[in-house]
Amino acid sequence: MIKKLRTKIIIICFVSVCLVFLIGLAVLLILGFDRINDERVARLNTVLDRSDWKAVSADDIPGIVLAEYDVDGERTEWSLIGTGVTLSEEEAERAVTRVAARYLESGSYGVKIVYSKRVENGVLRVALYDRFYNSSKDVKYVIYSLIALFVGSVFYLALSMVLANFALKPIETTWKRQKQFVADASHELKTPLAVIRANTDLIAAHGNATVKSQMQWLENTRFETERMTELVNDLLFLAKNDEGLREELDLVDMSECVESVALAQEVLFYEGNKKFSYEIAPHLTIFGSDGQLKQLTTILLDNAFKYSVGEGNITLKLLSAQTLYGKVAELRVGNDCNEITDEQLDHLFDRFYTVDQSRDKKHTGNGLGLSIANAICENHGGTITAHYADGRINFVAQIPLGRPHGKKQKKRV
C-alpha cells in the first residue's frame, strides 16, 4: 500500500511539474521568438531607412530580400536577393506580391518570412527576412530549451522521490506499527481465548459434576479472563495514545502518587520474599495526571517484582534533579536481575517485547507495560530510560517539575 501511494505521489508530482515546465518553456519560446522577430524587423527597417538602399550588394544584406513594388501595376519593379536566402526568385517575387497586399506594415508571412514595408515618394519598399537563413540560432535556442526541460524534469523526479520518501516516512512507520500492533494483539489474545474455550468445553463435557469438582477449570478461566481484560485495557490505552487522545492534565503532587503506590506494593513484595526499600522526596509537583503517574509507578514496581532474581533488592527513589532542560522529578526503580544485553535494552520499550520469552505466562506480563510507561512519560513531556550494570537494572523516568511554560491543554479522553 505504501509503495503504491509513494508511486502515485511521485507520478502526480512529476507530471504536474512537467506540465508547468512545458507551459513555462512554451511561454519562453514564444517570448524568445517574438524578441527574435522584433530584432529582425528592426534590421529590416534599418535597411529600408538607407537612402542608398538600391546601391547595396547581396553581401550587404545576408538573409534579406529587397524589392520595389508597383501597387497600381501589381508587379515588382526591382528586387535584390541577399546571400544565404533559401527563396528562389519566383518564391521571392510571389512573397513580395502577397506582402504588398497586406495592411500591416510589418509581421510574418508563412513560416519562412518576416517582412517590413513602407511607402516613400509614392514607391512601396518591401524587405523580407528569410527565417531559414542562419536558422542554427533558432535550432540552438530550441535545443537548449529542451535540454533545460529534460534536466529540470530529471532533477525534479529525483527530488520528488526524496520528498515522497520523507513525507511518507511517518505514515509508513505508523502503518508498520499498526500492522505489528494488530498482529501482536491477535497473537496475545489467542492464548487466553483458547484456554477459556478449552476449559468451557471440559466443564460442558461433565454436565453432572459439581461446581467444586470443576473449580480447577473455573479458576483457569477466571485467570485468563483477568489476563485478557488487562491486555485489552492496555491495548485501549495505547490505541488512544496513538490517536492523540490524552487525559486532562493538572498540577499534581507526584510524591503523594508514588508513595501511595509504594505503600500498596510493599505487602506484595513482603509476601513474595523480596527486599524493598524506597525514598521519596516530599512535595514534588508536576503538571500531569494523577492516574497515569500511579500507573507508571505500578508498572515499574510490577516489572521489578516479576523480573528480579533472588531477594530482588528492589529500590525506589523519587527525587528532584537538575538537567540541561531544567528541574525534573526523577523516579528511579532498580532491582537485581539476570544479565541483559545491549540489544535487549534497546527493545525494552517496544510493544509486546519481553526479555525472557520462555517464562511461564503466570509470572510474566504481556509485554505492554514498559511501552505504556514510555507513553505516559512522553505525555508528561518527560523521558524514561533503562540502564544495566553489575547484575542490576535501573529504570529512570524524568518529568519536568511545575507547569511547563506555554503548556497546551490536552484533549480529554
Protein backbone atom coordinates (compact mmCIF):
# COMPACT_ATOMS: atom_id res chain seq x y z
CA MET A 1 0.00 0.00 0.00
CA ILE A 2 2.74 2.47 0.97
CA LYS A 3 4.72 1.63 -2.17
CA LYS A 4 1.68 2.27 -4.37
CA LEU A 5 0.96 5.52 -2.55
CA ARG A 6 4.59 6.61 -2.93
CA THR A 7 4.50 5.80 -6.66
CA LYS A 8 1.26 7.74 -7.14
CA ILE A 9 2.64 10.77 -5.31
CA ILE A 10 5.82 10.73 -7.38
CA ILE A 11 3.88 10.38 -10.64
CA ILE A 12 1.45 13.16 -9.74
CA CYS A 13 4.25 15.50 -8.68
CA PHE A 14 6.37 14.66 -11.71
CA VAL A 15 3.55 15.05 -14.24
CA SER A 16 2.30 18.28 -12.68
CA VAL A 17 5.78 19.81 -12.63
CA CYS A 18 6.47 18.63 -16.19
CA LEU A 19 3.28 20.37 -17.29
CA VAL A 20 4.41 23.52 -15.54
CA PHE A 21 7.83 23.20 -17.18
CA LEU A 22 6.24 22.67 -20.59
CA ILE A 23 3.96 25.67 -20.20
CA GLY A 24 6.91 27.73 -18.99
CA LEU A 25 9.03 26.51 -21.89
CA ALA A 26 6.27 27.32 -24.37
CA VAL A 27 5.99 30.84 -22.94
CA LEU A 28 9.76 31.27 -23.09
CA LEU A 29 9.87 30.04 -26.69
CA ILE A 30 7.04 32.35 -27.71
CA LEU A 31 8.63 35.32 -25.99
CA GLY A 32 12.03 34.37 -27.36
CA PHE A 33 10.83 34.07 -30.94
CA ASP A 34 8.89 37.32 -30.61
CA ARG A 35 12.06 39.03 -29.47
CA ILE A 36 14.00 37.50 -32.35
CA ASN A 37 11.31 38.61 -34.81
CA ASP A 38 11.40 42.12 -33.37
CA GLU A 39 15.16 42.17 -33.90
CA ARG A 40 14.69 41.00 -37.50
CA VAL A 41 12.05 43.66 -38.18
CA ALA A 42 14.38 46.26 -36.68
CA ARG A 43 17.12 45.08 -39.03
CA LEU A 44 14.74 45.25 -41.99
CA ASN A 45 13.72 48.80 -41.04
CA THR A 46 17.39 49.78 -40.82
CA VAL A 47 17.87 48.58 -44.39
CA LEU A 48 14.70 50.32 -45.56
CA ASP A 49 15.84 53.58 -43.95
CA ARG A 50 19.01 53.67 -46.02
CA SER A 51 18.95 56.42 -48.64
CA ASP A 52 21.20 54.40 -50.95
CA TRP A 53 19.40 51.14 -50.42
CA LYS A 54 19.48 50.34 -54.15
CA ALA A 55 23.25 50.65 -54.04
CA VAL A 56 23.67 47.80 -51.56
CA SER A 57 25.02 44.46 -52.72
CA ALA A 58 23.80 40.95 -51.93
CA ASP A 59 26.68 40.58 -49.48
CA ASP A 60 25.46 43.63 -47.54
CA ILE A 61 22.05 42.09 -46.83
CA PRO A 62 22.55 38.42 -45.93
CA GLY A 63 19.25 36.62 -45.46
CA ILE A 64 17.24 39.59 -46.78
CA VAL A 65 15.26 40.22 -49.96
CA LEU A 66 14.72 43.85 -51.06
CA ALA A 67 12.16 44.94 -53.62
CA GLU A 68 10.27 47.91 -55.06
CA TYR A 69 6.68 47.17 -55.92
CA ASP A 70 4.32 48.95 -58.28
CA VAL A 71 0.99 48.82 -56.50
CA ASP A 72 -1.04 50.12 -59.46
CA GLY A 73 0.62 47.76 -61.90
CA GLU A 74 0.74 44.99 -59.32
CA ARG A 75 4.24 43.97 -60.26
CA THR A 76 7.76 44.03 -58.88
CA GLU A 77 9.86 46.79 -60.41
CA TRP A 78 13.16 45.90 -58.78
CA SER A 79 14.47 43.26 -56.37
CA LEU A 80 17.72 42.09 -54.81
CA ILE A 81 18.19 38.73 -53.05
CA GLY A 82 20.85 38.71 -50.34
CA THR A 83 23.34 35.96 -49.74
CA GLY A 84 22.13 32.87 -47.87
CA VAL A 85 18.46 33.34 -48.77
CA THR A 86 16.77 29.99 -49.36
CA LEU A 87 13.97 31.51 -51.51
CA SER A 88 14.07 31.19 -55.27
CA GLU A 89 13.38 34.23 -57.46
CA GLU A 90 9.83 33.03 -58.16
CA GLU A 91 9.16 32.45 -54.43
CA ALA A 92 10.62 35.83 -53.57
CA GLU A 93 8.51 37.65 -56.16
CA ARG A 94 5.36 35.85 -55.06
CA ALA A 95 6.09 36.70 -51.44
CA VAL A 96 6.64 40.39 -52.31
CA THR A 97 3.28 40.46 -54.12
CA ARG A 98 1.45 38.89 -51.16
CA VAL A 99 3.17 41.14 -48.60
CA ALA A 100 2.42 44.27 -50.67
CA ALA A 101 -1.29 43.47 -50.46
CA ARG A 102 -1.22 43.23 -46.66
CA TYR A 103 -2.46 46.03 -44.43
CA LEU A 104 0.16 45.69 -41.68
CA GLU A 105 3.50 47.36 -42.23
CA SER A 106 5.39 44.50 -40.57
CA GLY A 107 4.75 40.95 -39.48
CA SER A 108 5.15 37.36 -40.62
CA TYR A 109 4.25 35.72 -43.86
CA GLY A 110 4.01 31.96 -43.66
CA VAL A 111 6.62 30.05 -41.75
CA LYS A 112 9.70 31.27 -43.54
CA ILE A 113 9.32 35.05 -43.87
CA VAL A 114 9.36 38.13 -41.64
CA TYR A 115 8.59 41.33 -43.54
CA SER A 116 8.57 45.09 -43.26
CA LYS A 117 7.38 47.63 -45.82
CA ARG A 118 6.80 51.34 -46.26
CA VAL A 119 5.82 53.87 -48.91
CA GLU A 120 8.27 56.64 -49.70
CA ASN A 121 7.79 59.14 -52.53
CA GLY A 122 4.97 57.04 -53.92
CA VAL A 123 7.14 53.91 -54.07
CA LEU A 124 6.41 50.81 -51.98
CA ARG A 125 9.56 49.39 -50.49
CA VAL A 126 9.45 45.82 -49.25
CA ALA A 127 12.05 43.96 -47.20
CA LEU A 128 11.77 40.24 -46.46
CA TYR A 129 13.82 38.24 -43.97
CA ASP A 130 14.31 34.53 -44.57
CA ARG A 131 13.89 32.73 -41.25
CA PHE A 132 15.74 29.73 -42.61
CA TYR A 133 18.83 31.84 -43.09
CA ASN A 134 21.27 31.08 -40.29
CA SER A 135 18.49 29.06 -38.66
CA SER A 136 21.03 27.35 -36.43
CA LYS A 137 20.41 30.08 -33.83
CA ASP A 138 16.74 29.16 -33.64
CA VAL A 139 17.57 25.48 -33.54
CA LYS A 140 20.10 26.02 -30.78
CA TYR A 141 17.56 28.06 -28.82
CA VAL A 142 15.02 25.23 -29.07
CA ILE A 143 17.61 22.55 -28.29
CA TYR A 144 18.91 24.38 -25.24
CA SER A 145 15.36 24.93 -24.03
CA LEU A 146 14.56 21.21 -24.42
CA ILE A 147 17.78 20.26 -22.64
CA ALA A 148 16.84 22.60 -19.80
CA LEU A 149 13.39 20.97 -19.65
CA PHE A 150 14.90 17.47 -19.59
CA VAL A 151 17.49 18.30 -16.92
CA GLY A 152 14.90 20.08 -14.81
CA SER A 153 12.47 17.14 -15.12
CA VAL A 154 15.12 14.59 -14.16
CA PHE A 155 16.21 16.72 -11.22
CA TYR A 156 12.65 17.15 -10.01
CA LEU A 157 11.96 13.42 -10.46
CA ALA A 158 14.85 12.68 -8.11
CA LEU A 159 13.70 15.44 -5.76
CA SER A 160 10.13 14.07 -5.85
CA MET A 161 11.37 10.63 -4.84
CA VAL A 162 13.33 12.07 -1.92
CA LEU A 163 10.46 14.31 -0.80
CA ALA A 164 7.92 11.49 -1.19
CA ASN A 165 10.05 9.17 0.94
CA PHE A 166 10.49 11.94 3.52
CA ALA A 167 6.77 12.78 3.60
CA LEU A 168 5.65 9.16 3.75
CA LYS A 169 8.18 8.01 6.32
CA PRO A 170 5.96 8.88 9.34
CA ILE A 171 2.96 7.30 7.60
CA GLU A 172 4.97 4.19 6.74
CA THR A 173 6.23 3.93 10.31
CA THR A 174 2.72 4.30 11.69
CA TRP A 175 1.37 1.79 9.18
CA LYS A 176 4.00 -0.78 10.11
CA ARG A 177 3.38 -0.18 13.80
CA GLN A 178 -0.35 -0.63 13.31
CA LYS A 179 0.14 -3.87 11.38
CA GLN A 180 2.54 -5.15 14.01
CA PHE A 181 0.20 -3.94 16.74
CA VAL A 182 -2.75 -5.85 15.28
CA ALA A 183 -0.66 -8.97 14.66
CA ASP A 184 0.80 -8.97 18.19
CA ALA A 185 -2.56 -8.21 19.80
CA SER A 186 -4.19 -11.05 17.88
CA HIS A 187 -1.41 -13.41 18.91
CA GLU A 188 -1.65 -12.40 22.58
CA LEU A 189 -5.44 -12.74 22.62
CA LYS A 190 -5.40 -16.20 21.05
CA THR A 191 -3.89 -17.90 24.10
CA PRO A 192 -6.42 -16.80 26.74
CA LEU A 193 -9.29 -17.34 24.34
CA ALA A 194 -8.06 -20.84 23.56
CA VAL A 195 -7.69 -21.64 27.27
CA ILE A 196 -11.16 -20.28 28.06
CA ARG A 197 -12.69 -22.31 25.24
CA ALA A 198 -10.89 -25.49 26.32
CA ASN A 199 -11.99 -25.01 29.95
CA THR A 200 -15.61 -24.39 29.00
CA ASP A 201 -15.56 -27.48 26.78
CA LEU A 202 -14.26 -29.56 29.69
CA ILE A 203 -16.92 -28.17 32.03
CA ALA A 204 -19.63 -28.78 29.43
CA ALA A 205 -18.44 -32.37 28.99
CA HIS A 206 -19.08 -33.01 32.67
CA GLY A 207 -22.54 -31.58 32.97
CA ASN A 208 -23.45 -33.66 36.01
CA ALA A 209 -20.32 -32.73 38.00
CA THR A 210 -20.42 -30.36 40.94
CA VAL A 211 -19.04 -26.82 40.81
CA LYS A 212 -16.41 -27.80 43.39
CA SER A 213 -15.09 -30.62 41.21
CA GLN A 214 -14.79 -28.25 38.25
CA MET A 215 -13.15 -25.48 40.25
CA GLN A 216 -9.76 -26.02 38.59
CA TRP A 217 -11.19 -25.20 35.16
CA LEU A 218 -13.19 -22.29 36.54
CA GLU A 219 -10.10 -20.85 38.20
CA ASN A 220 -8.15 -21.16 34.95
CA THR A 221 -10.97 -19.45 33.10
CA ARG A 222 -11.08 -16.60 35.59
CA PHE A 223 -7.32 -16.16 35.47
CA GLU A 224 -7.28 -16.00 31.66
CA THR A 225 -10.26 -13.65 31.68
CA GLU A 226 -8.46 -11.28 34.03
CA ARG A 227 -5.33 -11.53 31.93
CA MET A 228 -7.28 -10.81 28.75
CA THR A 229 -9.06 -7.88 30.41
CA GLU A 230 -5.71 -6.42 31.42
CA LEU A 231 -4.42 -6.89 27.88
CA VAL A 232 -7.47 -5.24 26.32
CA ASN A 233 -7.20 -2.29 28.70
CA ASP A 234 -3.53 -1.88 27.81
CA LEU A 235 -4.34 -2.04 24.11
CA LEU A 236 -7.06 0.59 24.51
CA PHE A 237 -4.64 2.87 26.36
CA LEU A 238 -2.02 2.60 23.61
CA ALA A 239 -4.63 2.96 20.85
CA LYS A 240 -5.99 6.16 22.42
CA ASN A 241 -2.46 7.41 22.92
CA ASP A 242 -1.64 6.77 19.24
CA GLU A 243 -4.75 8.71 18.23
CA GLY A 244 -3.57 11.71 20.24
CA LEU A 245 -6.20 11.37 22.96
CA ARG A 246 -4.88 12.41 26.37
CA GLU A 247 -6.28 12.75 29.85
CA GLU A 248 -6.72 16.27 31.17
CA LEU A 249 -3.53 17.34 32.95
CA ASP A 250 -3.35 19.45 36.09
CA LEU A 251 -0.91 20.26 38.89
CA VAL A 252 -0.31 17.01 40.81
CA ASP A 253 1.81 16.13 43.85
CA MET A 254 3.88 13.33 42.34
CA SER A 255 5.35 12.48 45.74
CA GLU A 256 1.91 11.52 47.05
CA CYS A 257 1.12 9.45 43.94
CA VAL A 258 4.36 7.46 44.15
CA GLU A 259 4.13 6.99 47.91
CA SER A 260 0.59 5.62 47.75
CA VAL A 261 1.63 3.01 45.19
CA ALA A 262 4.80 2.11 47.12
CA LEU A 263 2.81 1.51 50.29
CA ALA A 264 0.32 -0.68 48.45
CA GLN A 265 3.06 -2.73 46.77
CA GLU A 266 5.06 -3.19 49.96
CA VAL A 267 2.81 -6.04 51.11
CA LEU A 268 3.18 -7.87 47.80
CA PHE A 269 6.96 -7.66 47.98
CA TYR A 270 6.89 -8.98 51.54
CA GLU A 271 4.71 -11.94 50.55
CA GLY A 272 6.98 -12.63 47.58
CA ASN A 273 10.09 -12.65 49.79
CA LYS A 274 11.52 -9.61 48.04
CA LYS A 275 13.54 -6.89 49.73
CA PHE A 276 12.02 -3.49 49.01
CA SER A 277 13.05 -0.02 50.13
CA TYR A 278 12.02 3.42 48.99
CA GLU A 279 13.00 7.04 49.41
CA ILE A 280 10.59 9.77 48.32
CA ALA A 281 11.31 13.49 48.37
CA PRO A 282 8.20 15.38 49.53
CA HIS A 283 6.02 17.81 47.59
CA LEU A 284 7.41 17.34 44.08
CA THR A 285 4.70 18.98 41.98
CA ILE A 286 4.33 18.37 38.27
CA PHE A 287 1.78 19.12 35.58
CA GLY A 288 0.25 15.74 34.91
CA SER A 289 -2.37 13.07 35.50
CA ASP A 290 -2.75 11.51 38.93
CA GLY A 291 -3.98 8.22 37.48
CA GLN A 292 -1.21 7.92 34.91
CA LEU A 293 1.53 8.71 37.43
CA LYS A 294 0.24 5.94 39.70
CA GLN A 295 0.07 3.62 36.69
CA LEU A 296 3.67 4.49 35.78
CA THR A 297 4.88 3.67 39.31
CA THR A 298 2.86 0.46 39.41
CA ILE A 299 4.26 -0.70 36.07
CA LEU A 300 7.86 -0.15 37.14
CA LEU A 301 7.41 -1.85 40.53
CA ASP A 302 5.45 -4.73 38.98
CA ASN A 303 8.18 -5.18 36.40
CA ALA A 304 10.82 -5.22 39.16
CA PHE A 305 8.85 -7.84 41.09
CA LYS A 306 8.40 -10.14 38.06
CA TYR A 307 11.92 -9.99 36.70
CA SER A 308 14.03 -9.64 39.83
CA VAL A 309 16.18 -12.58 40.93
CA GLY A 310 16.80 -13.83 44.46
CA GLU A 311 15.68 -11.36 47.07
CA GLY A 312 15.46 -8.72 44.37
CA ASN A 313 16.87 -5.81 46.40
CA ILE A 314 14.20 -3.62 44.80
CA THR A 315 14.66 0.09 45.35
CA LEU A 316 12.50 3.10 44.53
CA LYS A 317 13.68 6.68 44.70
CA LEU A 318 11.86 9.88 43.82
CA LEU A 319 13.99 13.00 43.95
CA SER A 320 14.49 16.37 42.33
CA ALA A 321 17.22 16.58 39.68
CA GLN A 322 18.71 19.29 37.50
CA THR A 323 19.05 18.61 33.76
CA LEU A 324 20.04 20.68 30.75
CA TYR A 325 16.34 21.43 30.20
CA GLY A 326 15.54 22.42 33.78
CA LYS A 327 14.47 20.76 37.02
CA VAL A 328 12.72 17.40 36.85
CA ALA A 329 11.13 14.89 39.17
CA GLU A 330 13.30 11.79 38.74
CA LEU A 331 11.74 8.41 39.52
CA ARG A 332 14.29 5.57 39.83
CA VAL A 333 13.32 1.91 40.19
CA GLY A 334 16.03 -0.74 40.31
CA ASN A 335 16.36 -4.46 41.03
CA ASP A 336 18.75 -7.39 40.77
CA CYS A 337 18.24 -9.30 37.54
CA ASN A 338 19.76 -11.73 35.10
CA GLU A 339 22.23 -10.40 32.57
CA ILE A 340 20.69 -8.13 29.93
CA THR A 341 22.41 -7.40 26.62
CA ASP A 342 22.57 -4.02 24.94
CA GLU A 343 20.28 -5.32 22.20
CA GLN A 344 17.66 -6.31 24.78
CA LEU A 345 17.93 -2.88 26.41
CA ASP A 346 17.24 -1.25 23.05
CA HIS A 347 13.94 -3.15 22.75
CA LEU A 348 12.67 -2.99 26.33
CA PHE A 349 10.12 -0.29 25.50
CA ASP A 350 8.88 -1.98 22.31
CA ARG A 351 5.33 -3.27 22.40
CA PHE A 352 4.86 -6.95 23.25
CA TYR A 353 8.58 -7.36 23.92
CA THR A 354 9.71 -9.48 26.88
CA VAL A 355 13.31 -10.32 27.71
CA ASP A 356 12.65 -13.95 28.61
CA GLN A 357 10.12 -15.45 26.19
CA SER A 358 10.35 -18.88 27.81
CA ARG A 359 8.94 -17.92 31.21
CA ASP A 360 5.60 -19.09 32.50
CA LYS A 361 2.91 -16.63 31.45
CA LYS A 362 1.60 -16.59 35.00
CA HIS A 363 4.80 -14.85 36.09
CA THR A 364 5.25 -12.51 33.16
CA GLY A 365 3.27 -9.73 31.57
CA ASN A 366 2.03 -9.18 28.06
CA GLY A 367 4.98 -7.01 27.01
CA LEU A 368 2.98 -3.78 27.04
CA GLY A 369 3.84 -2.40 30.50
CA LEU A 370 7.08 -0.63 29.65
CA SER A 371 5.61 0.61 26.38
CA ILE A 372 2.77 2.19 28.36
CA ALA A 373 5.30 3.64 30.83
CA ASN A 374 7.15 5.23 27.94
CA ALA A 375 3.89 6.66 26.56
CA ILE A 376 2.98 8.11 29.97
CA CYS A 377 6.37 9.82 30.26
CA GLU A 378 6.01 11.28 26.77
CA ASN A 379 2.51 12.53 27.62
CA HIS A 380 4.03 14.43 30.54
CA GLY A 381 6.85 15.90 28.45
CA GLY A 382 9.41 13.58 30.01
CA THR A 383 11.57 10.58 29.20
CA ILE A 384 12.29 7.12 30.53
CA THR A 385 15.48 5.12 30.09
CA ALA A 386 16.85 1.77 31.21
CA HIS A 387 20.42 1.05 32.39
CA TYR A 388 22.05 -2.29 33.24
CA ALA A 389 25.29 -2.77 35.16
CA ASP A 390 26.72 -5.39 37.52
CA GLY A 391 23.61 -7.56 37.69
CA ARG A 392 21.17 -4.69 38.31
CA ILE A 393 18.78 -2.86 36.05
CA ASN A 394 17.58 0.67 36.75
CA PHE A 395 14.69 2.48 35.13
CA VAL A 396 14.91 6.27 35.26
CA ALA A 397 11.83 8.37 34.46
CA GLN A 398 12.27 12.14 34.34
CA ILE A 399 9.26 14.50 34.26
CA PRO A 400 9.52 18.33 34.31
CA LEU A 401 8.63 19.92 37.63
CA GLY A 402 5.88 22.53 37.84
CA ARG A 403 3.71 23.76 34.97
CA PRO A 404 5.63 23.83 31.67
CA HIS A 405 5.75 27.29 30.08
CA GLY A 406 3.13 27.62 27.32
CA LYS A 407 1.75 24.18 28.03
CA LYS A 408 -1.29 23.43 25.91
CA GLN A 409 -4.32 21.74 27.42
CA LYS A 410 -4.57 18.14 26.40
CA LYS A 411 -7.70 16.64 24.90
CA ARG A 412 -9.87 14.85 27.43
CA VAL A 413 -10.50 11.16 26.80
